Amino acid sequence: MIASIIIGALIFGYAAFTLFKFFKKSKQGACAHCSIKDSCQTSCSSAIKK
């Protein structure tokens, strides 16, 4: 019983942490989560589709 509660809490905690990271990155814009953002030659404003 206690093990089930602990495992459930870990799963929901990890899900909340992952959602928090996702929304934090999504607020930063398109180039914030791009894998080549450090070596990108285009400006981020042109990369964002409007």
C-alpha atoms as a PDB file:
ATOM      1  CA  MET A   1       0.000   0.000   0.000  1.00  0.00           C
ATOM      2  CA  ILE A   2       2.707   2.480   0.989  1.00  0.00           C
ATOM      3  CA  ALA A   3       4.842   1.447  -1.984  1.00  0.00           C
ATOM      4  CA  SER A   4       1.943   2.149  -4.349  1.00  0.00           C
ATOM      5  CA  ILE A   5       1.487   5.618  -2.881  1.00  0.00           C
ATOM      6  CA  ILE A   6       5.195   6.397  -3.197  1.00  0.00           C
ATOM      7  CA  ILE A   7       5.340   5.139  -6.786  1.00  0.00           C
ATOM      8  CA  GLY A   8       2.218   7.126  -7.668  1.00  0.00           C
ATOM      9  CA  ALA A   9       3.647  10.270  -6.082  1.00  0.00           C
ATOM     10  CA  LEU A  10       6.888   9.834  -8.040  1.00  0.00           C
ATOM     11  CA  ILE A  11       5.012   9.421 -11.321  1.00  0.00           C
ATOM     12  CA  PHE A  12       2.813  12.480 -10.762  1.00  0.00           C
ATOM     13  CA  GLY A  13       5.798  14.493  -9.508  1.00  0.00           C
ATOM     14  CA  TYR A  14       7.809  13.682 -12.624  1.00  0.00           C
ATOM     15  CA  ALA A  15       4.839  14.531 -14.851  1.00  0.00           C
ATOM     16  CA  ALA A  16       4.429  17.909 -13.139  1.00  0.00           C
ATOM     17  CA  PHE A  17       8.158  18.606 -13.450  1.00  0.00           C
ATOM     18  CA  THR A  18       8.122  17.742 -17.172  1.00  0.00           C
ATOM     19  CA  LEU A  19       5.103  19.946 -17.832  1.00  0.00           C
ATOM     20  CA  PHE A  20       6.732  22.805 -15.927  1.00  0.00           C
ATOM     21  CA  LYS A  21       9.888  22.535 -18.063  1.00  0.00           C
ATOM     22  CA  PHE A  22       7.816  22.382 -21.267  1.00  0.00           C
ATOM     23  CA  PHE A  23       5.799  25.512 -20.471  1.00  0.00           C
ATOM     24  CA  LYS A  24       8.902  27.374 -19.304  1.00  0.00           C
ATOM     25  CA  LYS A  25      10.626  26.683 -22.642  1.00  0.00           C
ATOM     26  CA  SER A  26       7.516  27.467 -24.678  1.00  0.00           C
ATOM     27  CA  LYS A  27       7.317  30.945 -23.125  1.00  0.00           C
ATOM     28  CA  GLN A  28      10.856  31.710 -24.345  1.00  0.00           C
ATOM     29  CA  GLY A  29       9.929  31.438 -28.025  1.00  0.00           C
ATOM     30  CA  ALA A  30      10.793  29.273 -30.996  1.00  0.00           C
ATOM     31  CA  CYS A  31      14.582  29.574 -30.804  1.00  0.00           C
ATOM     32  CA  ALA A  32      14.797  28.796 -27.090  1.00  0.00           C
ATOM     33  CA  HIS A  33      14.253  25.088 -27.578  1.00  0.00           C
ATOM     34  CA  CYS A  34      15.874  24.682 -30.995  1.00  0.00           C
ATOM     35  CA  SER A  35      18.708  22.149 -31.028  1.00  0.00           C
ATOM     36  CA  ILE A  36      20.993  24.400 -33.144  1.00  0.00           C
ATOM     37  CA  LYS A  37      20.228  27.711 -31.469  1.00  0.00           C
ATOM     38  CA  ASP A  38      23.906  28.383 -30.664  1.00  0.00           C
ATOM     39  CA  SER A  39      25.091  28.018 -34.262  1.00  0.00           C
ATOM     40  CA  CYS A  40      22.012  29.282 -36.085  1.00  0.00           C
ATOM     41  CA  GLN A  41      22.702  31.797 -38.879  1.00  0.00           C
ATOM     42  CA  THR A  42      19.122  33.059 -39.248  1.00  0.00           C
ATOM     43  CA  SER A  43      17.478  35.449 -36.877  1.00  0.00           C
ATOM     44  CA  CYS A  44      14.880  33.972 -34.589  1.00  0.00           C
ATOM     45  CA  SER A  45      12.219  36.405 -35.709  1.00  0.00           C
ATOM     46  CA  SER A  46      12.347  34.987 -39.234  1.00  0.00           C
ATOM     47  CA  ALA A  47      12.178  31.432 -37.914  1.00  0.00           C
ATOM     48  CA  ILE A  48       8.907  32.037 -36.081  1.00  0.00           C
ATOM     49  CA  LYS A  49       5.919  31.307 -38.302  1.00  0.00           C
ATOM     50  CA  LYS A  50       3.210  33.900 -37.936  1.00  0.00           C
END
